[in-house]
Every structure is written in structure tokens, then in C-alpha cells.
Amino acid sequence: MIRGVDVAIPERPAVDTGFWECTPGQFRRPVDTGEIMYILEGAGSFTPDGEGAETFEFKAGDSLFFPPFTRGTWNIRETVRKLYVMV
């Protein structure tokens, strides 16, 4: 299950920010924009697409950055809650 709360910034309509939550499971990342996030709770891993790309682990307290058009597979082991900003 995935759910989120978008928080609008009136002066910055091109910025998407909010909170996101996902229960355990595996799925593809379909996002075209760049994203920075702070993991509030939970744990999992992300495997970027591409030959030689290495899976990395994340947990509560970690910050992650994905450049635009980052594709890959999320593997959520513990329900993740994150704060995100997409530009």
C-alpha cells in the first residue's frame, strides 16, 4: 500500500513536496523528476536499472537523492515513511 500527502508551496508551483508512506513490498520507481528524500521510519533497498548498478540499503535517518529519470526497483522491508522534495 502506498499513500502520501502533497504539500503545495504557492511560490514554487514546480516543486512537489510532501510525506509518503509505503508498506512492505517490491515495485518499480516511475518518477521522471529529481528527488531528495529523508527517511523518517522504516528500511529497505533500491536497485537502479543498468548494467553494473549496485543495490543500496536505506533506513530511518538516511537522506537519498535521485537525479531525474532514475529508474529501478524499491524493495521495502519495513513500512517506510519519508519526507520528499521533487524538482
C-alpha atoms as a PDB file:
ATOM      1  CA  MET A   1       0.000   0.000   0.000  1.00  0.00           C
ATOM      2  CA  ILE A   2       1.266   3.443  -0.900  1.00  0.00           C
ATOM      3  CA  ARG A   3      -0.147   6.717   0.334  1.00  0.00           C
ATOM      4  CA  GLY A   4       1.039  10.273   0.640  1.00  0.00           C
ATOM      5  CA  VAL A   5       0.251  13.853   1.446  1.00  0.00           C
ATOM      6  CA  ASP A   6       1.341  16.531  -1.025  1.00  0.00           C
ATOM      7  CA  VAL A   7       2.191  19.921   0.446  1.00  0.00           C
ATOM      8  CA  ALA A   8       1.856  22.815  -2.015  1.00  0.00           C
ATOM      9  CA  ILE A   9       4.291  25.717  -1.945  1.00  0.00           C
ATOM     10  CA  PRO A  10       2.382  28.590  -3.588  1.00  0.00           C
ATOM     11  CA  GLU A  11       5.543  30.494  -4.577  1.00  0.00           C
ATOM     12  CA  ARG A  12       7.093  27.369  -6.137  1.00  0.00           C
ATOM     13  CA  PRO A  13       4.483  25.565  -8.277  1.00  0.00           C
ATOM     14  CA  ALA A  14       7.146  23.404  -9.998  1.00  0.00           C
ATOM     15  CA  VAL A  15       8.224  21.921  -6.647  1.00  0.00           C
ATOM     16  CA  ASP A  16       6.392  18.843  -5.387  1.00  0.00           C
ATOM     17  CA  THR A  17       6.875  18.136  -1.690  1.00  0.00           C
ATOM     18  CA  GLY A  18       5.162  16.097   0.983  1.00  0.00           C
ATOM     19  CA  PHE A  19       5.103  12.915   3.014  1.00  0.00           C
ATOM     20  CA  TRP A  20       4.982   9.389   1.570  1.00  0.00           C
ATOM     21  CA  GLU A  21       4.343   6.008   3.172  1.00  0.00           C
ATOM     22  CA  CYS A  22       4.697   2.503   1.770  1.00  0.00           C
ATOM     23  CA  THR A  23       4.108  -0.881   3.377  1.00  0.00           C
ATOM     24  CA  PRO A  24       6.457  -3.816   2.674  1.00  0.00           C
ATOM     25  CA  GLY A  25       6.675  -4.998  -0.910  1.00  0.00           C
ATOM     26  CA  GLN A  26       8.531  -4.504  -4.173  1.00  0.00           C
ATOM     27  CA  PHE A  27       7.724  -2.124  -7.044  1.00  0.00           C
ATOM     28  CA  ARG A  28       9.240  -0.029  -9.837  1.00  0.00           C
ATOM     29  CA  ARG A  29      10.104   3.666  -9.445  1.00  0.00           C
ATOM     30  CA  PRO A  30       8.235   5.528 -12.239  1.00  0.00           C
ATOM     31  CA  VAL A  31       9.307   9.108 -11.385  1.00  0.00           C
ATOM     32  CA  ASP A  32      10.794  11.461 -14.040  1.00  0.00           C
ATOM     33  CA  THR A  33      11.770  14.330 -11.724  1.00  0.00           C
ATOM     34  CA  GLY A  34      14.782  14.658  -9.466  1.00  0.00           C
ATOM     35  CA  GLU A  35      14.066  13.821  -5.842  1.00  0.00           C
ATOM     36  CA  ILE A  36      15.675  14.323  -2.472  1.00  0.00           C
ATOM     37  CA  MET A  37      14.206  12.479   0.495  1.00  0.00           C
ATOM     38  CA  TYR A  38      14.716  11.933   4.190  1.00  0.00           C
ATOM     39  CA  ILE A  39      13.685   8.542   5.568  1.00  0.00           C
ATOM     40  CA  LEU A  40      11.703   9.105   8.771  1.00  0.00           C
ATOM     41  CA  GLU A  41      10.914   5.441   9.515  1.00  0.00           C
ATOM     42  CA  GLY A  42      11.443   2.002   8.033  1.00  0.00           C
ATOM     43  CA  ALA A  43      14.042   0.227   5.924  1.00  0.00           C
ATOM     44  CA  GLY A  44      14.593  -1.281   2.517  1.00  0.00           C
ATOM     45  CA  SER A  45      16.765  -1.192  -0.562  1.00  0.00           C
ATOM     46  CA  PHE A  46      16.796   0.285  -4.057  1.00  0.00           C
ATOM     47  CA  THR A  47      18.310  -1.327  -7.144  1.00  0.00           C
ATOM     48  CA  PRO A  48      18.894   1.148 -10.000  1.00  0.00           C
ATOM     49  CA  ASP A  49      18.433  -0.042 -13.571  1.00  0.00           C
ATOM     50  CA  GLY A  50      21.522  -0.557 -15.679  1.00  0.00           C
ATOM     51  CA  GLU A  51      24.381  -2.938 -16.035  1.00  0.00           C
ATOM     52  CA  GLY A  52      26.721  -2.829 -13.058  1.00  0.00           C
ATOM     53  CA  ALA A  53      24.302  -0.787 -10.914  1.00  0.00           C
ATOM     54  CA  GLU A  54      24.558  -1.776  -7.277  1.00  0.00           C
ATOM     55  CA  THR A  55      21.715  -2.185  -4.815  1.00  0.00           C
ATOM     56  CA  PHE A  56      21.931   0.143  -1.825  1.00  0.00           C
ATOM     57  CA  GLU A  57      20.280  -0.151   1.554  1.00  0.00           C
ATOM     58  CA  PHE A  58      18.496   2.648   3.409  1.00  0.00           C
ATOM     59  CA  LYS A  59      16.931   3.059   6.849  1.00  0.00           C
ATOM     60  CA  ALA A  60      15.436   5.689   9.141  1.00  0.00           C
ATOM     61  CA  GLY A  61      17.734   8.706   9.377  1.00  0.00           C
ATOM     62  CA  ASP A  62      19.154   8.350   5.838  1.00  0.00           C
ATOM     63  CA  SER A  63      18.919  11.006   3.122  1.00  0.00           C
ATOM     64  CA  LEU A  64      18.762   9.926  -0.536  1.00  0.00           C
ATOM     65  CA  PHE A  65      18.999  11.780  -3.843  1.00  0.00           C
ATOM     66  CA  PHE A  66      17.781  10.511  -7.212  1.00  0.00           C
ATOM     67  CA  PRO A  67      18.639  12.506 -10.367  1.00  0.00           C
ATOM     68  CA  PRO A  68      15.830  12.965 -12.916  1.00  0.00           C
ATOM     69  CA  PHE A  69      14.738   9.777 -14.718  1.00  0.00           C
ATOM     70  CA  THR A  70      16.237   7.434 -12.125  1.00  0.00           C
ATOM     71  CA  ARG A  71      14.619   4.057 -12.703  1.00  0.00           C
ATOM     72  CA  GLY A  72      14.895   0.939 -10.617  1.00  0.00           C
ATOM     73  CA  THR A  73      13.184  -1.280  -8.077  1.00  0.00           C
ATOM     74  CA  TRP A  74      12.236  -0.473  -4.499  1.00  0.00           C
ATOM     75  CA  ASN A  75      12.268  -3.349  -2.007  1.00  0.00           C
ATOM     76  CA  ILE A  76      10.526  -2.161   1.164  1.00  0.00           C
ATOM     77  CA  ARG A  77      11.187  -4.476   4.128  1.00  0.00           C
ATOM     78  CA  GLU A  78       9.737  -2.313   6.931  1.00  0.00           C
ATOM     79  CA  THR A  79       6.999   0.268   6.342  1.00  0.00           C
ATOM     80  CA  VAL A  80       8.754   3.398   5.075  1.00  0.00           C
ATOM     81  CA  ARG A  81       7.720   6.951   5.846  1.00  0.00           C
ATOM     82  CA  LYS A  82       9.664   9.699   4.109  1.00  0.00           C
ATOM     83  CA  LEU A  83       9.680  13.421   3.569  1.00  0.00           C
ATOM     84  CA  TYR A  84      10.398  14.276  -0.088  1.00  0.00           C
ATOM     85  CA  VAL A  85      11.030  17.196  -2.415  1.00  0.00           C
ATOM     86  CA  MET A  86      10.847  16.717  -6.210  1.00  0.00           C
ATOM     87  CA  VAL A  87      12.031  19.271  -8.758  1.00  0.00           C
END
